């Protein structure tokens, strides 16, 4: 839901931060139209699919598109012939051609639909697939180029039936079901998620309710599967997201929910998700996370308090706040200086999406190491030094998130007594008027 978040504390933020994102109008006449997904084709062509951000939960079959880098956006209807179907995701390959997936959230089923005229008309494809009521659940569509694409749905058949995956090499005119030999067997009761996938560096991954990642590196011909350090990517009690910078390097945010408390940890991979580091405490404050492709830079946005943008230049180990001015939703980046993130429309001429107008991290974060903390590992004492802040606060937490120390500090150098702390790893959060840094310290 669109909220007005203008406070005195926000007015004082620098113009450099304000310049990072520039508001653009998605063209939707309805207020509080959000974008659930943004897909970039190139610097000029971007597509997005809409959702109802008013809080009413109305099913929306709408998209918007720009072909001039966001100077103008043209909205349209995704006419799939059935208003009860929900749109899963969009996969565009040009200014005129895109595919969407759609499904019935009661009976499952669903299918894939193509536009070749910029969204004016949509044509159903592969109509013989996803037809088993209550069993066939359409999840994703993805095209690797204008000819080669796949669709994926939940396992079908008796016993451990395979995931329902089809592949086309002629733009969707003809589709072939993948054989059992091309797919690892699902676990008992395993299924995928609507829109639950990522694509980077020529690889595609989709996530399951068993915390597993199915991966293809050859445009859907063959697949492998691996276990992530999470039991379920989409359950209420435990869920998470996996995003990849390239074919090898990825980041996983894991959320464990207990009542009103959510404990977040993260892990990284350097081999495409085959293995992951042991999850450690996540120190960020925003949870919609995407890589700038081909880098170790992650951008985190948030449409809920605290709104705004954070950036990590080291695969999520530490985070720095960029700005806290507006609700920032789903994001997508072509590179470090071209990207968009979702907002909410006010009317057809106002708001709805934000364009990156200066490189995130270039002016504000070339030198993010305001503080030096040493030695690391440490024994009984540790020194914190800084030459460009007058005062700052220190909060020390263990990896469970428990606060074990807080201090208010001044001056260039301070020595901290660690003798009362147990052996192990701790997170030092250092906050000043220049931002926040989080540094992991090992206590011997």
Protein backbone atom coordinates (compact mmCIF):
# COMPACT_ATOMS: atom_id res chain seq x y z
CA UNK A 1 0.00 0.00 0.00
CA UNK A 2 1.35 3.45 -0.85
CA UNK A 3 2.05 5.51 2.23
CA UNK A 4 3.25 9.09 2.54
CA UNK A 5 6.48 9.02 4.48
CA UNK A 6 7.64 12.60 4.81
CA UNK A 7 9.35 13.38 8.08
CA UNK A 8 11.64 16.18 9.19
CA UNK A 9 14.51 13.74 9.64
CA UNK A 10 14.37 12.79 5.97
CA UNK A 11 14.53 16.34 4.69
CA UNK A 12 18.09 16.71 5.86
CA UNK A 13 19.48 13.93 3.68
CA UNK A 14 21.93 15.11 1.05
CA UNK A 15 21.03 15.85 -2.54
CA UNK A 16 23.51 13.16 -3.61
CA UNK A 17 21.29 10.54 -1.99
CA UNK A 18 18.18 12.03 -3.52
CA UNK A 19 19.81 11.82 -6.94
CA UNK A 20 20.35 8.07 -6.80
CA UNK A 21 16.74 7.32 -7.83
CA UNK A 22 14.49 9.39 -10.08
CA UNK A 23 10.73 8.85 -10.05
CA UNK A 24 9.03 7.84 -13.30
CA UNK A 25 5.34 7.34 -14.05
CA UNK A 26 4.34 3.77 -14.90
CA UNK A 27 1.19 5.11 -16.57
CA UNK A 28 -1.36 3.26 -14.43
CA UNK A 29 -4.41 5.42 -13.78
CA UNK A 30 -5.21 3.55 -10.55
CA UNK A 31 -3.48 4.77 -7.42
CA UNK A 32 -1.24 2.34 -5.52
CA UNK A 33 -0.40 0.18 -8.52
CA UNK A 34 2.84 -1.54 -7.62
CA UNK A 35 5.23 -3.62 -9.70
CA UNK A 36 5.77 -7.18 -8.55
CA UNK A 37 8.54 -7.81 -11.07
CA UNK A 38 10.80 -5.75 -13.33
CA UNK A 39 12.63 -7.32 -16.29
CA UNK A 40 15.31 -5.41 -18.22
CA UNK A 41 15.92 -6.32 -21.88
CA UNK A 42 18.46 -3.54 -22.50
CA UNK A 43 19.09 0.06 -21.47
CA UNK A 44 16.00 1.20 -23.40
CA UNK A 45 13.51 -1.65 -23.02
CA UNK A 46 12.08 -2.69 -19.66
CA UNK A 47 8.86 -4.56 -18.78
CA UNK A 48 7.07 -4.83 -15.44
CA UNK A 49 4.00 -6.67 -14.14
CA UNK A 50 1.57 -4.94 -11.82
CA UNK A 51 -0.11 -5.80 -8.55
CA UNK A 52 -2.67 -4.08 -6.35
CA UNK A 53 -0.83 -2.18 -3.62
CA UNK A 54 -3.96 -0.64 -2.12
CA UNK A 55 -4.35 -3.43 0.41
CA UNK A 56 -7.55 -4.79 -1.13
CA UNK A 57 -5.78 -7.78 -2.68
CA UNK A 58 -7.49 -7.42 -6.06
CA UNK A 59 -6.07 -9.72 -8.74
CA UNK A 60 -4.37 -7.62 -11.42
CA UNK A 61 -3.56 -8.70 -14.98
CA UNK A 62 -1.62 -5.64 -16.09
CA UNK A 63 1.85 -4.74 -17.31
CA UNK A 64 3.79 -1.63 -18.20
CA UNK A 65 6.62 -1.17 -20.68
CA UNK A 66 9.19 1.43 -21.70
CA UNK A 67 11.21 1.50 -24.92
CA UNK A 68 13.06 4.77 -24.27
CA UNK A 69 14.91 4.08 -21.04
CA UNK A 70 11.99 5.05 -18.85
CA UNK A 71 11.27 8.52 -20.22
CA UNK A 72 7.79 7.20 -20.95
CA UNK A 73 5.97 4.04 -19.85
CA UNK A 74 2.94 2.50 -21.54
CA UNK A 75 0.61 0.29 -19.46
CA UNK A 76 -1.54 -2.48 -20.83
CA UNK A 77 -3.76 -5.47 -20.04
CA UNK A 78 -2.41 -9.03 -20.02
CA UNK A 79 -5.44 -10.61 -21.67
CA UNK A 80 -5.20 -14.35 -20.96
CA UNK A 81 -8.92 -14.94 -21.47
CA UNK A 82 -9.67 -15.72 -17.83
CA UNK A 83 -9.83 -13.04 -15.15
CA UNK A 84 -9.38 -15.56 -12.33
CA UNK A 85 -5.88 -16.53 -13.41
CA UNK A 86 -2.95 -15.01 -11.54
CA UNK A 87 0.16 -13.87 -13.38
CA UNK A 88 3.29 -15.68 -12.21
CA UNK A 89 6.07 -13.79 -14.01
CA UNK A 90 7.05 -12.12 -17.26
CA UNK A 91 9.93 -12.98 -19.60
CA UNK A 92 10.57 -10.41 -22.34
CA UNK A 93 13.21 -10.67 -25.08
CA UNK A 94 12.58 -7.44 -27.01
CA UNK A 95 10.43 -4.34 -27.14
CA UNK A 96 7.63 -6.30 -28.79
CA UNK A 97 7.98 -9.92 -27.61
CA UNK A 98 7.38 -11.32 -24.14
CA UNK A 99 5.82 -14.30 -22.40
CA UNK A 100 3.86 -14.50 -19.16
CA UNK A 101 2.79 -17.45 -17.04
CA UNK A 102 -0.61 -17.68 -15.39
CA UNK A 103 -2.32 -20.14 -13.05
CA UNK A 104 -5.50 -20.78 -11.07
CA UNK A 105 -4.63 -20.66 -7.36
CA UNK A 106 -7.49 -23.06 -6.50
CA UNK A 107 -7.23 -25.77 -9.15
CA UNK A 108 -3.66 -25.17 -10.28
CA UNK A 109 -3.45 -25.65 -14.04
CA UNK A 110 -2.42 -22.49 -15.91
CA UNK A 111 -0.27 -21.93 -18.93
CA UNK A 112 2.00 -19.70 -20.96
CA UNK A 113 0.95 -16.73 -23.10
CA UNK A 114 2.96 -14.80 -25.70
CA UNK A 115 2.75 -11.29 -27.10
CA UNK A 116 4.49 -10.29 -30.33
CA UNK A 117 3.04 -6.78 -30.55
CA UNK A 118 4.18 -5.09 -27.37
CA UNK A 119 1.34 -6.43 -25.23
CA UNK A 120 -1.61 -5.43 -27.39
CA UNK A 121 -2.61 -9.10 -27.77
CA UNK A 122 -1.64 -12.32 -25.98
CA UNK A 123 -1.79 -15.83 -27.41
CA UNK A 124 -1.95 -19.07 -25.40
CA UNK A 125 0.79 -21.59 -26.17
CA UNK A 126 1.32 -25.26 -25.31
CA UNK A 127 -2.36 -25.65 -24.50
CA UNK A 128 -2.04 -29.40 -23.93
CA UNK A 129 0.16 -28.90 -20.86
CA UNK A 130 -0.75 -28.22 -17.22
CA UNK A 131 -4.17 -29.79 -17.53
CA UNK A 132 -4.35 -32.14 -14.53
CA UNK A 133 -6.66 -30.42 -12.04
CA UNK A 134 -5.22 -30.15 -8.55
CA UNK A 135 -1.87 -31.60 -9.64
CA UNK A 136 -0.59 -29.42 -12.48
CA UNK A 137 0.54 -26.09 -11.05
CA UNK A 138 2.22 -23.69 -13.44
CA UNK A 139 5.14 -21.87 -11.79
CA UNK A 140 7.46 -20.08 -14.22
CA UNK A 141 8.22 -19.24 -17.83
CA UNK A 142 11.66 -18.15 -19.00
CA UNK A 143 13.09 -17.48 -22.43
CA UNK A 144 16.84 -17.55 -22.95
CA UNK A 145 16.44 -15.82 -26.31
CA UNK A 146 13.68 -15.26 -28.88
CA UNK A 147 13.53 -18.96 -29.73
CA UNK A 148 14.59 -21.07 -26.74
CA UNK A 149 12.46 -21.12 -23.61
CA UNK A 150 11.09 -23.30 -20.84
CA UNK A 151 8.07 -23.53 -18.60
CA UNK A 152 8.05 -25.30 -15.23
CA UNK A 153 5.27 -26.65 -13.05
CA UNK A 154 4.97 -28.94 -10.05
CA UNK A 155 5.57 -32.71 -10.29
CA UNK A 156 2.82 -34.74 -11.94
CA UNK A 157 2.12 -38.45 -12.31
CA UNK A 158 1.90 -41.22 -9.76
CA UNK A 159 4.40 -41.57 -6.91
CA UNK A 160 7.44 -39.37 -7.40
CA UNK A 161 6.38 -37.89 -10.71
CA UNK A 162 8.83 -35.52 -12.36
CA UNK A 163 8.50 -31.74 -12.40
CA UNK A 164 6.37 -30.75 -15.38
CA UNK A 165 8.89 -28.96 -17.60
CA UNK A 166 8.54 -28.16 -21.30
CA UNK A 167 11.08 -26.72 -23.70
CA UNK A 168 10.73 -24.91 -27.03
CA UNK A 169 13.29 -23.96 -29.66
CA UNK A 170 10.98 -22.07 -32.04
CA UNK A 171 9.58 -19.25 -29.93
CA UNK A 172 6.83 -21.36 -28.38
CA UNK A 173 5.16 -22.71 -31.51
CA UNK A 174 6.08 -26.23 -30.43
CA UNK A 175 6.92 -27.56 -26.99
CA UNK A 176 8.49 -30.84 -25.83
CA UNK A 177 8.13 -32.31 -22.36
CA UNK A 178 11.46 -33.08 -20.68
CA UNK A 179 12.12 -36.75 -20.15
CA UNK A 180 12.63 -38.28 -16.72
CA UNK A 181 16.29 -38.85 -17.60
CA UNK A 182 16.88 -35.10 -17.93
CA UNK A 183 15.56 -34.34 -14.44
CA UNK A 184 16.66 -35.33 -10.92
CA UNK A 185 13.79 -36.99 -9.07
CA UNK A 186 11.81 -34.77 -6.71
CA UNK A 187 11.53 -35.61 -3.04
CA UNK A 188 8.22 -36.81 -1.66
CA UNK A 189 5.84 -33.86 -1.54
CA UNK A 190 8.27 -31.50 -3.26
CA UNK A 191 6.96 -28.63 -5.36
CA UNK A 192 8.10 -25.29 -6.78
CA UNK A 193 6.91 -21.73 -6.34
CA UNK A 194 5.16 -19.26 -8.64
CA UNK A 195 7.85 -17.01 -10.06
CA UNK A 196 10.44 -18.63 -7.79
CA UNK A 197 13.54 -18.60 -9.96
CA UNK A 198 16.67 -16.65 -10.90
CA UNK A 199 18.76 -16.42 -14.06
CA UNK A 200 22.38 -15.26 -14.32
CA UNK A 201 25.46 -16.04 -16.37
CA UNK A 202 23.64 -18.51 -18.58
CA UNK A 203 22.34 -20.57 -15.65
CA UNK A 204 18.79 -20.80 -14.37
CA UNK A 205 17.71 -21.96 -10.90
CA UNK A 206 14.27 -22.64 -9.46
CA UNK A 207 13.53 -23.11 -5.77
CA UNK A 208 11.37 -25.69 -3.97
CA UNK A 209 9.55 -26.24 -0.70
CA UNK A 210 12.30 -28.69 0.32
CA UNK A 211 14.96 -25.99 0.27
CA UNK A 212 16.46 -27.30 -2.93
CA UNK A 213 17.70 -25.58 -6.08
CA UNK A 214 17.19 -27.15 -9.49
CA UNK A 215 19.74 -25.76 -11.97
CA UNK A 216 20.27 -25.86 -15.72
CA UNK A 217 23.36 -24.57 -17.51
CA UNK A 218 22.33 -25.56 -21.03
CA UNK A 219 19.05 -23.67 -21.53
CA UNK A 220 16.88 -26.35 -19.96
CA UNK A 221 18.19 -29.47 -21.71
CA UNK A 222 19.57 -31.09 -18.53
CA UNK A 223 19.23 -30.31 -14.84
CA UNK A 224 21.01 -30.88 -11.52
CA UNK A 225 19.71 -30.36 -7.99
CA UNK A 226 21.39 -29.33 -4.74
CA UNK A 227 20.34 -28.68 -1.16
CA UNK A 228 20.57 -25.11 0.12
CA UNK A 229 21.00 -24.39 3.86
CA UNK A 230 17.26 -23.86 4.26
CA UNK A 231 14.35 -26.27 4.71
CA UNK A 232 11.79 -24.36 2.61
CA UNK A 233 12.01 -21.34 0.30
CA UNK A 234 8.38 -20.34 0.81
CA UNK A 235 6.79 -21.54 4.06
CA UNK A 236 5.37 -19.21 6.69
CA UNK A 237 7.74 -20.45 9.40
CA UNK A 238 10.86 -20.56 7.22
CA UNK A 239 11.46 -18.98 3.85
CA UNK A 240 14.13 -17.30 1.81
CA UNK A 241 15.39 -16.05 -1.51
CA UNK A 242 18.42 -16.97 -3.60
CA UNK A 243 19.93 -14.51 -6.05
CA UNK A 244 22.96 -14.94 -8.30
CA UNK A 245 25.53 -12.53 -9.68
CA UNK A 246 26.79 -14.93 -12.35
CA UNK A 247 26.87 -18.67 -13.03
CA UNK A 248 28.85 -19.35 -9.85
CA UNK A 249 28.41 -16.66 -7.23
CA UNK A 250 25.17 -16.36 -5.28
CA UNK A 251 23.58 -15.09 -2.07
CA UNK A 252 20.84 -16.68 0.03
CA UNK A 253 18.76 -14.82 2.62
CA UNK A 254 17.08 -17.16 5.12
CA UNK A 255 14.17 -16.03 7.30
CA UNK A 256 13.02 -18.04 10.34
CA UNK A 257 9.75 -16.75 11.79
CA UNK A 258 8.67 -17.37 15.38
CA UNK A 259 5.63 -15.36 16.35
CA UNK A 260 6.45 -11.68 15.86
CA UNK A 261 10.21 -12.34 15.69
CA UNK A 262 12.05 -13.04 12.43
CA UNK A 263 15.65 -14.23 12.62
CA UNK A 264 17.60 -13.66 9.43
CA UNK A 265 20.83 -15.29 8.33
CA UNK A 266 22.63 -15.42 5.02
CA UNK A 267 24.94 -17.74 3.11
CA UNK A 268 26.95 -17.46 -0.10
CA UNK A 269 28.04 -19.86 -2.83
CA UNK A 270 30.91 -19.80 -5.33
CA UNK A 271 29.92 -22.89 -7.32
CA UNK A 272 26.41 -22.15 -8.53
CA UNK A 273 24.65 -23.37 -5.40
CA UNK A 274 26.22 -26.82 -5.18
CA UNK A 275 27.60 -25.90 -1.74
CA UNK A 276 27.03 -22.93 0.54
CA UNK A 277 28.85 -21.30 3.42
CA UNK A 278 27.43 -21.85 6.91
CA UNK A 279 24.68 -19.25 7.47
CA UNK A 280 25.63 -16.33 9.73
CA UNK A 281 23.63 -13.41 11.10
CA UNK A 282 22.29 -11.00 8.48
CA UNK A 283 23.02 -7.40 9.50
CA UNK A 284 21.03 -5.60 6.82
CA UNK A 285 17.71 -3.86 7.40
CA UNK A 286 16.14 -4.25 3.95
CA UNK A 287 15.23 -7.59 2.45
CA UNK A 288 14.42 -7.29 -1.28
CA UNK A 289 17.89 -8.16 -2.52
CA UNK A 290 19.46 -8.31 -5.99
CA UNK A 291 22.96 -8.34 -7.38
CA UNK A 292 24.39 -5.84 -9.77
CA UNK A 293 25.25 -8.50 -12.40
CA UNK A 294 28.80 -9.77 -12.46
CA UNK A 295 29.85 -8.04 -9.24
CA UNK A 296 29.95 -8.68 -5.50
CA UNK A 297 27.59 -5.73 -4.99
CA UNK A 298 24.13 -6.40 -3.59
CA UNK A 299 21.37 -3.81 -3.49
CA UNK A 300 18.64 -4.18 -0.85
CA UNK A 301 15.39 -2.25 -1.10
CA UNK A 302 12.32 -2.04 1.10
CA UNK A 303 8.70 -0.97 0.75
CA UNK A 304 8.13 -1.39 4.50
CA UNK A 305 9.70 0.48 7.40
CA UNK A 306 12.57 1.17 7.17
CA UNK A 307 11.95 2.16 3.56
CA UNK A 308 14.76 2.97 1.18
CA UNK A 309 17.94 1.42 -0.16
CA UNK A 310 21.04 -0.24 1.26
CA UNK A 311 24.14 -1.51 -0.51
CA UNK A 312 26.74 -4.17 0.20
CA UNK A 313 29.97 -4.28 -1.77
CA UNK A 314 31.13 -7.58 -0.23
CA UNK A 315 28.42 -10.19 -0.90
CA UNK A 316 26.29 -9.17 2.09
CA UNK A 317 28.93 -9.20 4.83
CA UNK A 318 28.40 -5.50 5.63
CA UNK A 319 25.73 -3.01 4.60
CA UNK A 320 25.60 0.77 4.20
CA UNK A 321 22.42 2.80 3.94
CA UNK A 322 22.07 4.77 0.71
CA UNK A 323 18.80 6.53 1.48
CA UNK A 324 15.58 6.22 3.44
CA UNK A 325 13.24 8.44 1.46
CA UNK A 326 10.70 6.28 -0.33
CA UNK A 327 9.15 2.84 -0.58
CA UNK A 328 11.42 0.84 -2.88
CA UNK A 329 10.08 -2.49 -4.09
CA UNK A 330 11.26 -5.11 -6.57
CA UNK A 331 14.44 -4.11 -8.38
CA UNK A 332 16.47 -5.10 -11.44
CA UNK A 333 19.87 -3.94 -12.68
CA UNK A 334 21.52 -4.01 -16.09
CA UNK A 335 24.80 -2.82 -14.58
CA UNK A 336 26.06 -0.53 -11.83
CA UNK A 337 24.64 2.61 -13.41
CA UNK A 338 21.42 1.36 -15.04
CA UNK A 339 18.56 -0.10 -13.04
CA UNK A 340 15.00 0.33 -11.84
CA UNK A 341 13.07 -0.39 -8.66
CA UNK A 342 9.34 -0.47 -8.04
CA UNK A 343 7.28 2.17 -6.32
CA UNK A 344 3.54 2.86 -6.26
CA UNK A 345 1.60 4.98 -8.72
CA UNK A 346 -0.25 8.05 -7.55
CA UNK A 347 -1.99 8.49 -10.90
CA UNK A 348 -1.21 7.99 -14.59
CA UNK A 349 1.30 10.85 -14.56
CA UNK A 350 2.96 10.39 -11.20
CA UNK A 351 5.27 7.77 -9.69
CA UNK A 352 5.21 4.00 -9.93
CA UNK A 353 8.85 3.19 -10.68
CA UNK A 354 12.28 4.67 -9.95
CA UNK A 355 15.25 4.78 -12.30
CA UNK A 356 18.84 4.69 -11.11
CA UNK A 357 20.27 8.06 -12.13
CA UNK A 358 23.77 7.81 -10.67
CA UNK A 359 25.83 4.72 -9.89
CA UNK A 360 24.92 3.25 -6.53
CA UNK A 361 28.08 3.08 -4.49
CA UNK A 362 30.22 5.32 -6.71
CA UNK A 363 30.09 8.66 -4.94
CA UNK A 364 28.96 7.60 -1.52
CA UNK A 365 30.66 4.25 -1.10
CA UNK A 366 34.01 4.26 -2.85
CA UNK A 367 35.51 4.40 0.64
CA UNK A 368 33.13 2.56 2.93
CA UNK A 369 35.77 1.74 5.55
CA UNK A 370 35.19 4.66 7.88
CA UNK A 371 36.37 2.52 10.79
CA UNK A 372 39.32 0.23 11.36
CA UNK A 373 38.95 -2.47 14.02
CA UNK A 374 42.05 -4.44 15.02
CA UNK A 375 43.49 -6.91 15.78
CA UNK A 376 41.15 -9.49 14.28
CA UNK A 377 41.08 -12.15 15.70
CA UNK A 378 41.42 -10.46 19.09
CA UNK A 379 42.19 -11.67 22.60
CA UNK A 380 41.30 -9.40 25.53
CA UNK A 381 41.23 -5.95 23.89
CA UNK A 382 40.43 -4.48 20.49
CA UNK A 383 41.07 -1.02 19.03
CA UNK A 384 38.64 1.03 16.97
CA UNK A 385 40.07 3.93 14.99
CA UNK A 386 38.53 6.53 12.73
CA UNK A 387 39.86 9.77 11.32
CA UNK A 388 36.70 11.26 9.81
CA UNK A 389 33.97 11.02 12.47
CA UNK A 390 33.80 12.86 15.80
CA UNK A 391 31.43 10.56 17.64
CA UNK A 392 29.76 7.22 17.06
CA UNK A 393 27.97 4.37 18.78
CA UNK A 394 29.08 0.77 19.11
CA UNK A 395 26.70 -2.19 19.39
CA UNK A 396 28.16 -5.68 19.71
CA UNK A 397 25.95 -8.73 19.08
CA UNK A 398 26.66 -12.44 19.00
CA UNK A 399 25.62 -14.50 15.98
CA UNK A 400 22.24 -15.26 17.53
CA UNK A 401 21.48 -11.53 17.51
CA UNK A 402 21.83 -11.02 21.27
CA UNK A 403 23.31 -7.63 22.22
CA UNK A 404 26.33 -8.15 24.48
CA UNK A 405 27.76 -4.63 24.58
CA UNK A 406 26.84 -1.03 23.74
CA UNK A 407 29.02 2.08 23.99
CA UNK A 408 29.04 5.72 22.93
CA UNK A 409 32.52 6.70 21.72
CA UNK A 410 34.42 9.86 20.75
CA UNK A 411 37.85 10.59 19.36
CA UNK A 412 40.22 9.11 16.82
CA UNK A 413 41.05 5.88 18.68
CA UNK A 414 39.30 3.81 21.35
CA UNK A 415 40.32 0.59 23.09
CA UNK A 416 37.54 -1.85 24.00
CA UNK A 417 37.85 -4.50 26.70
CA UNK A 418 36.66 -7.91 25.42
CA UNK A 419 37.75 -9.97 28.40
CA UNK A 420 34.18 -10.64 29.55
CA UNK A 421 33.11 -12.04 26.19
CA UNK A 422 33.19 -15.75 25.44
CA UNK A 423 35.31 -17.15 22.63
CA UNK A 424 33.52 -16.91 19.30
CA UNK A 425 32.35 -14.55 16.52
CA UNK A 426 30.72 -11.17 17.14
CA UNK A 427 29.28 -8.42 14.95
CA UNK A 428 30.47 -4.87 15.69
CA UNK A 429 27.92 -2.33 14.47
CA UNK A 430 29.44 1.16 14.27
CA UNK A 431 27.00 3.96 13.59
CA UNK A 432 27.79 7.62 12.95
CA UNK A 433 26.32 10.53 11.03
CA UNK A 434 28.11 9.12 7.95
CA UNK A 435 26.21 5.84 8.07
CA UNK A 436 26.56 2.36 9.53
CA UNK A 437 29.23 -0.30 9.22
CA UNK A 438 29.06 -3.86 10.51
CA UNK A 439 32.33 -5.75 11.01
CA UNK A 440 32.67 -9.39 12.02
CA UNK A 441 35.22 -9.95 14.80
CA UNK A 442 36.59 -13.23 16.11
CA UNK A 443 37.33 -13.37 19.87
CA UNK A 444 39.95 -15.94 20.91
